[in-house]
Protein backbone atom coordinates (compact mmCIF):
# COMPACT_ATOMS: atom_id res chain seq x y z
CA MET A 1 -0.04 0.04 0.06
CA LYS A 2 1.06 3.38 -0.94
CA ARG A 3 0.91 4.59 2.50
CA TYR A 4 3.90 2.67 3.59
CA TYR A 5 5.98 4.34 1.29
CA ARG A 6 5.57 7.47 3.74
CA LEU A 7 6.62 5.35 6.64
CA PRO A 8 9.65 7.34 7.42
CA ALA A 9 7.54 10.83 7.35
CA ILE A 10 5.39 8.88 9.74
CA VAL A 11 8.08 7.78 11.97
CA ALA A 12 9.69 11.32 11.85
CA LEU A 13 6.29 12.66 13.51
CA ALA A 14 6.50 9.98 15.64
CA LEU A 15 9.75 11.01 17.27
CA LEU A 16 8.54 15.00 17.14
CA ALA A 17 5.58 13.31 19.22
CA CYS A 18 8.04 11.66 21.88
CA GLY A 19 11.03 14.05 21.87
CA SER A 20 9.76 16.53 24.44
CA PHE A 21 8.62 13.89 26.20
CA ALA A 22 12.41 12.03 26.56
CA ALA A 23 14.33 15.49 27.15
CA GLN A 24 16.34 16.53 30.39
CA GLN A 25 15.88 19.90 31.83
CA ALA A 26 14.93 21.07 35.37
CA ILE A 27 11.34 21.91 34.09
CA VAL A 28 9.89 19.83 31.30
CA GLU A 29 7.19 21.05 29.19
CA PRO A 30 4.38 20.12 28.46
CA PHE A 31 4.64 17.34 31.16
CA GLU A 32 5.53 19.09 34.44
CA ASN A 33 4.49 22.16 36.50
CA ALA A 34 6.57 24.54 38.09
CA SER A 35 5.01 24.33 41.59
CA TRP A 36 2.59 22.16 43.36
CA THR A 37 -0.73 22.38 43.69
CA THR A 38 -1.47 19.12 45.47
CA PRO A 39 -0.51 19.15 49.50
CA ALA A 40 1.93 16.61 50.74
CA ASN A 41 -0.02 13.67 52.95
CA VAL A 42 0.98 10.94 55.09
CA ILE A 43 2.50 8.92 52.11
CA ASP A 44 4.65 11.67 50.95
CA THR A 45 5.86 12.26 54.60
CA HIS A 46 7.46 8.27 54.63
CA VAL A 47 8.58 8.52 51.06
CA ALA A 48 10.60 11.93 51.59
CA ALA A 49 12.29 10.74 54.37
CA ALA A 50 12.92 7.44 52.29
CA LEU A 51 14.25 9.54 49.40
CA ALA A 52 16.33 11.95 51.53
CA ARG A 53 18.30 9.12 52.69
CA GLN A 54 19.22 8.15 49.45
CA GLY A 55 20.30 11.63 48.61
CA ALA A 56 17.15 12.27 46.14
CA SER A 57 13.55 13.97 46.34
CA LEU A 58 10.55 13.63 44.32
CA ARG A 59 10.26 14.98 40.60
CA PRO A 60 8.24 18.30 39.98
CA GLN A 61 4.13 17.89 39.71
CA CYS A 62 3.12 16.10 36.49
CA SER A 63 1.12 18.73 34.70
CA ASP A 64 -2.41 18.69 34.83
CA ALA A 65 -2.78 17.30 31.06
CA VAL A 66 -0.55 14.53 32.16
CA PHE A 67 -2.32 13.95 35.49
CA ILE A 68 -6.23 13.84 33.99
CA ARG A 69 -5.01 10.85 31.41
CA ARG A 70 -2.82 9.16 34.12
CA VAL A 71 -5.52 9.31 36.53
CA TYR A 72 -8.16 8.03 34.40
CA LEU A 73 -6.05 5.34 32.93
CA ASP A 74 -4.59 4.03 36.42
CA MET A 75 -8.63 4.17 37.58
CA ILE A 76 -10.90 3.36 34.92
CA GLY A 77 -8.84 1.80 32.14
CA THR A 78 -10.05 4.71 29.72
CA LEU A 79 -8.89 7.70 28.04
CA PRO A 80 -10.75 10.73 29.10
CA LEU A 81 -13.11 12.92 25.98
CA PRO A 82 -11.32 15.57 24.44
CA ARG A 83 -13.89 17.68 26.33
CA GLU A 84 -13.23 16.41 29.63
CA VAL A 85 -9.59 17.28 29.02
CA ASP A 86 -10.30 20.60 28.15
CA ALA A 87 -12.80 21.55 31.13
CA PHE A 88 -10.43 19.81 33.30
CA LEU A 89 -7.23 22.22 32.03
CA ARG A 90 -9.72 25.13 32.16
CA ASP A 91 -10.58 24.30 35.85
CA THR A 92 -9.28 26.91 38.06
CA ARG A 93 -10.11 25.28 41.49
CA PRO A 94 -7.14 24.32 43.29
CA ASP A 95 -8.70 20.84 44.93
CA LYS A 96 -9.56 19.81 41.00
CA ARG A 97 -7.46 17.02 40.78
CA ALA A 98 -8.87 15.34 44.24
CA LYS A 99 -12.26 16.03 43.00
CA LEU A 100 -11.61 14.28 39.85
CA ILE A 101 -10.47 11.09 41.36
CA ASP A 102 -13.43 11.14 43.56
CA SER A 103 -15.72 11.22 40.66
CA LEU A 104 -13.90 8.41 38.99
CA PHE A 105 -14.83 6.22 41.69
CA LEU A 106 -18.46 6.54 40.56
CA ARG A 107 -17.95 5.49 37.06
CA GLU A 108 -19.10 2.44 35.88
CA GLU A 109 -15.43 1.73 34.23
CA PHE A 110 -14.12 1.83 37.69
CA ALA A 111 -15.88 -1.41 38.54
CA ASP A 112 -15.15 -2.84 34.91
CA TYR A 113 -11.42 -2.16 35.26
CA TRP A 114 -10.79 -3.03 38.64
CA THR A 115 -12.66 -6.27 38.41
CA MET A 116 -10.93 -6.89 35.31
CA ARG A 117 -7.39 -6.81 37.60
CA TRP A 118 -9.36 -9.13 40.42
CA CYS A 119 -10.33 -11.51 37.66
CA ASP A 120 -6.63 -12.02 36.72
CA VAL A 121 -5.84 -12.66 40.58
CA LEU A 122 -8.52 -14.93 41.17
CA ARG A 123 -8.22 -16.97 37.76
CA VAL A 124 -11.63 -16.33 36.35
CA LYS A 125 -11.63 -18.57 33.15
CA SER A 126 -13.71 -21.09 31.59
CA GLU A 127 -11.20 -23.28 30.00
CA PHE A 128 -8.34 -25.31 30.82
CA PRO A 129 -6.55 -25.72 32.88
CA ILE A 130 -8.95 -23.83 35.17
CA ASN A 131 -12.49 -25.36 33.58
CA LEU A 132 -14.70 -22.77 35.77
CA TRP A 133 -16.99 -23.24 32.37
CA PRO A 134 -19.13 -20.20 31.15
CA ASN A 135 -22.22 -19.95 33.15
CA ALA A 136 -20.04 -19.93 36.73
CA VAL A 137 -17.63 -17.79 35.00
CA GLN A 138 -20.58 -15.02 34.36
CA ALA A 139 -21.72 -15.44 37.80
CA TYR A 140 -18.29 -15.36 39.41
CA HIS A 141 -17.70 -11.76 37.57
CA ARG A 142 -20.78 -10.44 38.10
CA TRP A 143 -20.18 -11.12 42.27
CA ILE A 144 -16.81 -9.54 41.99
CA HIS A 145 -18.07 -6.68 39.67
CA ASP A 146 -20.88 -6.22 42.58
CA ALA A 147 -17.93 -6.06 45.24
CA VAL A 148 -15.85 -3.64 43.54
CA ARG A 149 -18.92 -1.41 42.64
CA ASN A 150 -20.21 -1.34 45.97
CA ASN A 151 -16.76 -0.97 47.65
CA ARG A 152 -17.33 -4.10 49.97
CA PRO A 153 -15.00 -3.93 52.75
CA TYR A 154 -11.89 -6.04 51.78
CA ASP A 155 -12.18 -8.57 54.95
CA ARG A 156 -15.53 -9.63 54.06
CA PHE A 157 -14.62 -9.84 50.51
CA ALA A 158 -11.95 -12.53 51.66
CA ARG A 159 -13.98 -14.30 54.14
CA GLU A 160 -16.82 -15.00 51.50
CA LEU A 161 -14.38 -16.44 49.18
CA LEU A 162 -12.83 -18.48 51.99
CA THR A 163 -15.84 -19.45 53.43
CA SER A 164 -18.58 -19.87 50.91
CA SER A 165 -20.54 -23.23 50.33
CA GLY A 166 -23.05 -23.99 47.63
CA SER A 167 -23.65 -24.28 43.86
CA ASN A 168 -21.20 -22.48 41.58
CA PHE A 169 -24.13 -20.85 40.00
CA ARG A 170 -25.90 -19.74 42.52
CA VAL A 171 -23.32 -19.08 45.27
CA PRO A 172 -20.37 -17.43 43.14
CA ALA A 173 -17.67 -17.41 45.62
CA VAL A 174 -17.60 -20.90 45.87
CA ASN A 175 -15.61 -20.90 42.60
CA PHE A 176 -12.74 -19.47 44.45
CA TYR A 177 -12.27 -23.39 45.27
CA ARG A 178 -12.97 -24.65 41.94
CA ALA A 179 -10.54 -21.79 39.93
CA VAL A 180 -7.27 -23.79 41.24
CA GLN A 181 -5.86 -26.27 38.89
CA GLY A 182 -5.62 -28.72 41.74
CA ARG A 183 -8.40 -29.83 44.43
CA ASP A 184 -6.32 -31.27 46.73
CA PRO A 185 -5.91 -29.33 50.48
CA THR A 186 -2.47 -28.73 49.37
CA SER A 187 -3.35 -26.86 46.09
CA LEU A 188 -6.11 -24.65 47.64
CA ALA A 189 -3.59 -23.92 50.57
CA LYS A 190 -1.25 -22.51 48.05
CA ALA A 191 -3.89 -20.54 45.89
CA VAL A 192 -4.79 -18.92 49.59
CA ALA A 193 -1.32 -18.00 50.40
CA LEU A 194 -0.78 -16.68 47.17
CA THR A 195 -3.90 -14.52 46.76
CA PHE A 196 -4.42 -13.34 50.38
CA MET A 197 -1.12 -13.21 51.91
CA GLY A 198 1.19 -12.72 48.76
CA GLU A 199 3.39 -15.45 49.26
CA ARG A 200 4.35 -18.61 47.35
CA ALA A 201 3.59 -21.40 49.82
CA GLU A 202 5.33 -23.84 47.10
CA ARG A 203 8.76 -22.17 48.64
CA TRP A 204 7.88 -22.63 52.31
CA PRO A 205 8.86 -25.81 54.30
CA LYS A 206 6.85 -29.04 54.04
CA SER A 207 5.67 -28.73 57.79
CA ARG A 208 4.65 -25.04 57.27
CA LEU A 209 2.59 -25.83 54.08
CA ASP A 210 1.30 -29.19 55.69
CA GLY A 211 -0.22 -27.25 58.49
CA MET A 212 -1.96 -24.34 56.53
CA SER A 213 -3.07 -27.38 53.94
CA ALA A 214 -5.23 -28.88 57.10
CA PHE A 215 -7.57 -25.66 57.15
CA PHE A 216 -8.98 -27.29 53.58
CA SER A 217 -8.81 -30.95 53.98
CA LYS A 218 -12.52 -30.68 54.67
CA VAL A 219 -13.13 -28.96 50.88
CA ALA A 220 -15.37 -31.34 49.11
CA TYR A 221 -17.04 -31.03 45.44
CA LYS A 222 -20.35 -32.91 44.09
CA LYS A 223 -22.14 -32.94 40.86
CA THR A 224 -25.46 -32.12 40.36
CA LEU A 225 -28.13 -33.00 37.67
CA GLU A 226 -27.75 -29.42 35.93
CA TRP A 227 -25.26 -29.23 33.12
CA LYS A 228 -21.83 -28.31 34.67
CA GLU A 229 -23.54 -27.37 38.24
CA GLU A 230 -20.93 -28.29 41.31
CA ILE A 231 -21.72 -27.77 44.83
CA VAL A 232 -18.63 -27.01 47.07
CA TYR A 233 -19.07 -27.65 50.77
CA ALA A 234 -17.11 -28.61 53.74
CA ASN A 235 -17.49 -32.43 53.86
CA PRO A 236 -19.61 -33.72 56.99
CA ASP A 237 -18.27 -37.05 56.98
CA ALA A 238 -14.94 -35.79 58.08
CA ASP A 239 -15.90 -36.80 61.59
CA LYS A 240 -12.50 -36.20 63.35
CA PRO A 241 -11.13 -33.08 64.61
CA VAL A 242 -8.62 -31.28 62.30
CA LYS A 243 -5.24 -30.57 63.85
CA ALA A 244 -4.02 -27.50 61.70
CA VAL A 245 -1.03 -24.96 62.24
CA PHE A 246 -1.34 -21.56 61.08
CA PRO A 247 1.12 -20.07 58.88
CA ASP A 248 2.62 -17.96 61.70
CA GLY A 249 3.07 -21.09 63.85
CA LYS A 250 0.47 -21.19 66.43
CA ALA A 251 -1.25 -24.66 66.11
CA VAL A 252 -5.09 -25.24 66.74
CA THR A 253 -7.16 -28.39 67.08
CA ILE A 254 -10.42 -27.56 65.46
CA PRO A 255 -14.00 -29.43 66.73
CA ALA A 256 -15.34 -32.17 63.99
CA ASN A 257 -18.28 -30.00 63.68
CA VAL A 258 -16.70 -26.86 62.91
CA ASP A 259 -15.73 -25.94 59.22
CA PRO A 260 -11.75 -25.18 59.31
CA ARG A 261 -12.27 -22.48 56.58
CA GLN A 262 -13.97 -20.46 59.06
CA VAL A 263 -11.10 -20.67 61.66
CA PHE A 264 -8.61 -19.87 59.16
CA ALA A 265 -10.69 -16.88 57.39
CA GLY A 266 -10.88 -15.76 61.19
CA TRP A 267 -6.80 -15.62 61.95
CA LEU A 268 -6.37 -14.44 58.60
CA ILE A 269 -8.41 -11.23 58.47
CA SER A 270 -7.91 -10.36 61.88
CA PRO A 271 -6.21 -6.76 62.85
CA SER A 272 -3.58 -8.07 64.39
CA ASN A 273 -2.35 -10.01 61.68
CA ASN A 274 -0.41 -7.78 59.13
CA ALA A 275 0.03 -10.22 56.48
CA PHE A 276 -3.39 -9.74 55.37
CA ALA A 277 -3.37 -6.10 54.98
CA ARG A 278 0.36 -5.98 53.87
CA ASN A 279 -0.56 -8.07 50.65
CA ILE A 280 -3.47 -5.98 49.67
CA VAL A 281 -1.90 -2.48 50.08
CA ASN A 282 1.31 -3.74 48.48
CA ARG A 283 -0.69 -4.76 45.44
CA LEU A 284 -2.68 -1.53 45.47
CA TRP A 285 0.49 0.41 45.27
CA ALA A 286 1.76 -1.73 42.45
CA TRP A 287 -1.16 -1.32 40.37
CA THR A 288 -1.24 2.31 40.44
CA MET A 289 2.50 3.21 40.88
CA GLY A 290 3.88 0.16 38.56
CA ARG A 291 6.04 -1.54 41.09
CA GLY A 292 5.15 -2.81 44.58
CA ILE A 293 6.79 -1.57 47.81
CA ILE A 294 7.64 -5.23 48.07
CA HIS A 295 8.45 -6.32 44.65
CA GLU A 296 7.42 -8.63 43.26
CA PRO A 297 3.81 -7.82 44.98
CA ASP A 298 3.04 -11.71 44.90
CA ASP A 299 6.20 -13.03 46.25
CA ILE A 300 6.47 -11.57 49.80
CA ARG A 301 8.76 -13.27 52.01
CA PRO A 302 11.51 -12.48 54.42
CA ASP A 303 14.46 -12.04 52.21
CA ASN A 304 12.57 -10.08 49.90
CA PRO A 305 12.08 -6.65 52.08
CA PRO A 306 10.29 -3.51 51.53
CA ALA A 307 11.65 -0.55 50.09
CA CYS A 308 10.15 1.71 52.58
CA PRO A 309 9.10 -0.31 55.53
CA GLU A 310 7.56 2.88 56.97
CA LEU A 311 5.21 3.20 54.02
CA LEU A 312 4.06 -0.09 53.86
CA ALA A 313 3.39 -0.26 57.75
CA CYS A 314 1.41 2.83 57.66
CA LEU A 315 -0.78 1.75 54.83
CA GLU A 316 -1.44 -1.35 56.38
CA LYS A 317 -2.93 0.74 59.54
CA GLU A 318 -4.82 3.13 57.39
CA LEU A 319 -6.49 0.14 55.87
CA VAL A 320 -7.50 -1.22 59.11
CA LYS A 321 -8.38 1.71 60.29
CA SER A 322 -10.77 2.65 57.46
CA GLY A 323 -12.46 -0.70 57.99
CA TYR A 324 -10.76 -2.38 55.16
CA ASP A 325 -11.87 -0.10 52.89
CA LEU A 326 -9.80 -0.17 49.76
CA ARG A 327 -11.19 3.04 47.89
CA HIS A 328 -9.64 4.81 51.17
CA ILE A 329 -6.03 3.40 50.30
CA LEU A 330 -6.60 4.36 46.66
CA ARG A 331 -7.37 7.61 47.22
CA LEU A 332 -4.35 8.43 49.71
CA ILE A 333 -2.04 7.14 46.91
CA LEU A 334 -3.60 8.87 44.17
CA ASN A 335 -4.08 12.21 46.09
CA SER A 336 -0.25 11.67 46.84
CA ARG A 337 2.70 13.85 45.66
CA THR A 338 4.53 10.63 45.27
CA TYR A 339 2.02 9.66 42.51
CA GLN A 340 1.17 12.88 40.99
CA GLN A 341 5.03 13.56 40.41
CA SER A 342 6.53 13.60 36.94
CA SER A 343 7.56 10.55 35.13
CA VAL A 344 10.57 11.94 33.47
CA PRO A 345 13.40 10.93 35.01
CA HIS A 346 16.20 12.28 36.62
CA PRO A 347 19.32 12.24 34.41
CA LEU A 348 21.32 10.93 37.61
CA LEU A 349 19.10 9.25 39.10
CA ASP A 350 17.79 6.67 36.61
CA GLY A 351 19.33 3.16 36.12
CA ASN A 352 18.47 2.91 32.75
CA MET A 353 20.72 6.09 31.87
CA THR A 354 24.22 5.70 30.31
CA SER A 355 25.80 7.80 32.95
CA PRO A 356 28.14 5.99 35.55
CA SER A 357 26.94 7.71 37.97
CA ALA A 358 23.26 6.91 37.65
CA ARG A 359 21.41 4.93 39.73
CA SER A 360 17.88 3.70 40.29
CA VAL A 361 16.16 5.08 43.39
CA GLU A 362 12.50 4.05 44.37
CA PHE A 363 9.85 6.24 44.29
CA ALA A 364 11.94 9.10 42.81
CA ARG A 365 9.38 9.45 39.74
CA TYR A 366 6.00 8.04 38.50
CA ALA A 367 6.90 4.85 36.76
CA VAL A 368 6.69 4.63 32.56
CA ARG A 369 4.84 1.83 31.89
CA GLN A 370 2.91 -0.05 28.66
CA LEU A 371 -0.56 0.08 28.79
CA ASP A 372 -2.72 -3.13 29.37
CA ALA A 373 -3.36 -5.18 26.44
CA GLU A 374 -7.14 -4.70 27.38
CA VAL A 375 -6.97 -0.64 27.61
CA LEU A 376 -4.89 -0.18 24.88
CA ILE A 377 -7.29 -2.33 22.09
CA ASP A 378 -10.35 -0.39 23.64
CA ALA A 379 -8.53 2.89 22.96
CA LEU A 380 -8.03 1.80 19.44
CA SER A 381 -11.51 0.75 19.12
CA TRP A 382 -12.47 4.27 20.67
CA ILE A 383 -10.62 5.99 18.23
CA GLY A 384 -11.61 3.93 15.48
CA GLY A 385 -15.47 4.25 15.85
CA GLU A 386 -16.12 0.45 16.62
CA GLY A 387 -15.47 -1.86 19.17
CA GLU A 388 -13.90 -5.52 19.16
CA SER A 389 -16.32 -8.53 18.65
CA TYR A 390 -15.25 -11.18 20.87
CA SER A 391 -17.06 -15.12 20.82
CA SER A 392 -16.19 -18.45 22.04
CA PRO A 393 -18.14 -21.46 20.87
CA ILE A 394 -16.38 -23.79 22.94
CA PRO A 395 -16.95 -24.87 25.88
CA GLU A 396 -20.95 -24.38 25.49
CA PRO A 397 -22.99 -22.39 25.97
CA TYR A 398 -21.88 -20.17 22.86
CA THR A 399 -20.69 -17.05 24.48
CA PHE A 400 -20.90 -13.76 22.21
CA ILE A 401 -19.83 -10.34 23.46
CA PRO A 402 -21.54 -7.30 21.30
CA LYS A 403 -19.31 -4.96 19.95
CA ASP A 404 -20.54 -1.94 22.05
CA GLN A 405 -19.05 -3.84 25.17
CA ARG A 406 -15.71 -2.90 26.29
CA THR A 407 -12.59 -5.55 26.61
CA ILE A 408 -12.03 -3.96 30.10
CA ALA A 409 -15.65 -5.81 31.08
CA LEU A 410 -14.64 -9.13 29.41
CA ALA A 411 -15.37 -11.83 31.89
CA ASP A 412 -13.64 -14.85 30.62
CA GLY A 413 -10.15 -15.22 30.64
CA SER A 414 -10.38 -18.06 27.96
CA ILE A 415 -12.09 -15.33 25.31
CA THR A 416 -9.20 -13.55 23.98
CA SER A 417 -8.05 -12.42 20.46
CA SER A 418 -4.51 -12.57 18.82
CA PHE A 419 -4.34 -8.77 19.59
CA LEU A 420 -4.58 -9.65 23.16
CA THR A 421 -2.17 -12.31 23.50
CA THR A 422 0.49 -10.06 21.31
CA PHE A 423 0.07 -7.33 24.08
CA GLY A 424 0.46 -9.29 27.08
CA ARG A 425 -2.93 -9.88 28.45
CA PRO A 426 -2.59 -12.94 31.00
CA SER A 427 -3.38 -16.31 30.71
CA ARG A 428 -5.19 -16.53 34.03
CA ASP A 429 -3.75 -19.94 34.68
CA THR A 430 -1.84 -19.06 37.84
CA GLY A 431 -3.01 -16.17 39.54
CA LEU A 432 0.69 -14.48 39.40
CA LEU A 433 1.30 -10.72 38.20
CA ALA A 434 3.94 -12.14 35.79
CA GLU A 435 1.53 -13.62 33.87
CA ARG A 436 0.56 -10.11 32.26
CA GLY A 437 3.36 -9.44 29.58
CA SER A 438 4.25 -5.30 30.28
CA GLN A 439 7.27 -5.44 28.02
CA PRO A 440 7.06 -4.23 24.90
CA THR A 441 8.18 -6.38 22.02
CA ASP A 442 9.38 -6.34 18.47
CA THR A 443 5.99 -8.06 17.71
CA GLN A 444 3.85 -5.31 19.05
CA ARG A 445 5.92 -2.56 17.46
CA LEU A 446 5.75 -4.00 14.15
CA TYR A 447 1.99 -4.46 14.46
CA MET A 448 1.33 -1.03 15.63
CA LEU A 449 3.64 0.52 12.58
CA ASN A 450 2.59 -1.65 9.90
CA SER A 451 -1.02 -3.32 10.44
CA SER A 452 -3.81 -2.89 8.34
CA ASP A 453 -5.87 -3.27 11.50
CA ILE A 454 -4.35 0.08 12.60
CA GLN A 455 -4.63 1.77 9.31
CA ARG A 456 -8.38 0.89 8.79
CA ARG A 457 -9.01 2.17 12.39
CA ILE A 458 -7.48 5.73 11.49
CA ASP A 459 -8.96 5.58 7.99
CA ARG A 460 -12.43 4.99 9.29
CA SER A 461 -12.15 7.03 12.34
CA PRO A 462 -15.19 9.73 13.08
CA ARG A 463 -12.86 11.62 15.47
CA LEU A 464 -10.21 12.09 12.90
CA GLN A 465 -12.60 12.80 10.40
CA MET A 466 -14.12 15.63 12.30
CA ALA A 467 -10.15 16.73 12.79
CA ALA A 468 -9.89 16.67 9.46
CA ASN A 469 -13.03 18.72 8.64
CA ALA A 470 -12.06 21.29 11.01
CA GLY A 471 -8.78 21.89 9.89
CA ARG A 472 -9.95 22.22 5.94
CA ARG A 473 -9.64 25.88 6.20
CA ASN A 474 -6.91 26.16 8.98
CA PRO A 475 -4.67 22.59 9.76
CA VAL A 476 -3.98 23.96 12.94
CA ASN A 477 -7.14 23.25 14.22
CA ALA A 478 -6.83 19.64 12.89
CA ILE A 479 -3.42 19.20 14.62
CA ARG A 480 -4.82 20.36 17.84
CA MET A 481 -7.74 18.29 17.84
CA ILE A 482 -5.66 15.14 17.03
CA TYR A 483 -2.94 15.74 19.91
CA LEU A 484 -6.13 16.26 22.35
CA THR A 485 -7.77 13.22 21.13
CA LEU A 486 -5.07 10.88 21.26
CA LEU A 487 -2.44 12.08 24.07
CA SER A 488 -5.29 14.30 25.87
CA ARG A 489 -2.92 17.57 25.56
CA TYR A 490 -2.33 20.68 23.39
CA PRO A 491 0.53 20.32 20.92
CA THR A 492 3.77 22.52 21.98
CA ASP A 493 4.75 25.27 19.65
CA ASP A 494 7.38 23.08 17.99
CA GLU A 495 5.16 19.95 17.58
CA GLU A 496 2.30 22.50 16.05
CA ARG A 497 5.17 24.17 13.96
CA ILE A 498 6.50 20.80 12.58
CA ALA A 499 3.12 19.17 11.88
CA LEU A 500 2.16 22.37 10.13
CA HIS A 501 5.13 21.86 7.88
CA TYR A 502 3.97 18.20 7.09
CA TYR A 503 0.69 19.32 6.52
CA ARG A 504 1.76 22.21 3.68
CA THR A 505 4.65 20.65 2.07
CA SER A 506 3.74 16.97 1.73
CA GLY A 507 1.50 17.31 -1.28
CA LEU A 508 -1.25 15.35 0.85
CA GLN A 509 -4.93 16.02 1.13
CA PRO A 510 -6.03 17.19 4.80
CA ARG A 511 -7.48 14.11 5.80
CA GLN A 512 -4.45 12.03 4.65
CA ALA A 513 -2.08 14.41 6.63
CA ALA A 514 -4.42 14.18 9.44
CA SER A 515 -4.03 9.99 9.30
CA ASP A 516 -0.62 10.41 9.18
CA LEU A 517 -0.29 12.63 12.15
CA ALA A 518 -2.51 10.43 13.95
CA TRP A 519 -0.64 7.15 13.07
CA ALA A 520 2.46 8.68 14.34
CA LEU A 521 1.39 9.65 17.50
CA ILE A 522 -0.42 6.37 18.20
CA ASN A 523 3.19 4.59 17.84
CA SER A 524 4.58 7.21 20.20
CA LYS A 525 5.62 6.03 23.56
CA GLU A 526 3.50 9.09 24.92
CA PHE A 527 0.28 7.01 23.61
CA LEU A 528 1.31 3.63 24.43
CA CYS A 529 2.41 4.10 27.81
CA ARG A 530 0.96 5.62 31.01
CA HIS A 531 3.20 8.11 31.88
């Protein structure tokens, strides 16, 4: 196609789009503010102390344009609309960032996006090797979605998952015990330790794992006459007392008429058990900041210490004090200067820099990272004006997802596409964070640069058509609208000047020039990453 012969021009425009993003100077426009408008909170007190011990400090505050895009992607997995960006940039209230955060908690996309995250952890998948089957997947997904939307306290959420009994269709929480590759007590104990303690129990001493496994020795399963229905229950025929050992080493004898899962859940969610609170606040930090205070977030162990123990302890206490309100922790993180600082690296404090004096410092900037596969395809679908269609004929019943449903709301990990696989969507086989591919690959870059799918989305985009029409008399209007649509900001003077030069000298029709600029920006790091 003749478009590919213009690829060097497109790449040149892409370099323009991300050039200032990588620049190194005191204040980097348009990505940083010269002064802070956000007050420091309790998180920043601990982070500032940790940075001071390393001879460092926070980067400057990110600009409003960066913030609105960042917080939309981190909270609702969705790009802001141009009118939302413009309204936010014009807003002069000093607390507008806090108000925006509060408003995003109420969006349906918030429940969709954070349900997606929990479905990764809880292995919500109909087919092999999890085999929940479609009806149970839909019931389980809806239960998780309701818990997120209604802000169910985390201790109650965990207790229901650990202690529920009944039909996998009618009591969705019992699917926690079905979404495990093995149904023996040891496999169940490993799943519980990973999910609620962030620990990989296969690395524990055998005696510790055996002691915890005893709490799940009565979990039993039985079929019904309804297709693929299964009952999960505590086996009443196991009439002997159960001797078990909590992970902290305390032994307990559980009477025969008591469900051992209830005893374990009571120990786990006790305010005195910091392992429970530590795991979830560390996960929330990793999900919003790109890296856990303990990293990896699902590999908590004594020889993997937190980067800032005081910060982790503070968040644990805040969670317990709030009544296990996860939104309280998210609100603290998102309203902190630590979260709202720039992602532009300091030339002497970034381990990826080539300077021999460069060093990596925790919390010294917001971590740049690639968009989730589901978020990226939703963004491309929004730009192109048509959603993706997903379906699965196997296993029965046949599952069809209408095009107007966003990918972040996709319930079943088995329903996927070549795009999602290419861009790192997790398989949901293990519940491990590492299942999600977060590093860019050559295949991904070639797809974005040279795919007929991307070309089709751009060519048919009603949003870009509107921009092209707006720029027929004055191309500057088109350039500004395209930047606002794709990057959630207006172009700098230099970006506008170079793009305008391309419009005027390329010999292309305005619609084609607009498409080339859009393709360039879509391939920029600024579009493909949260920053």
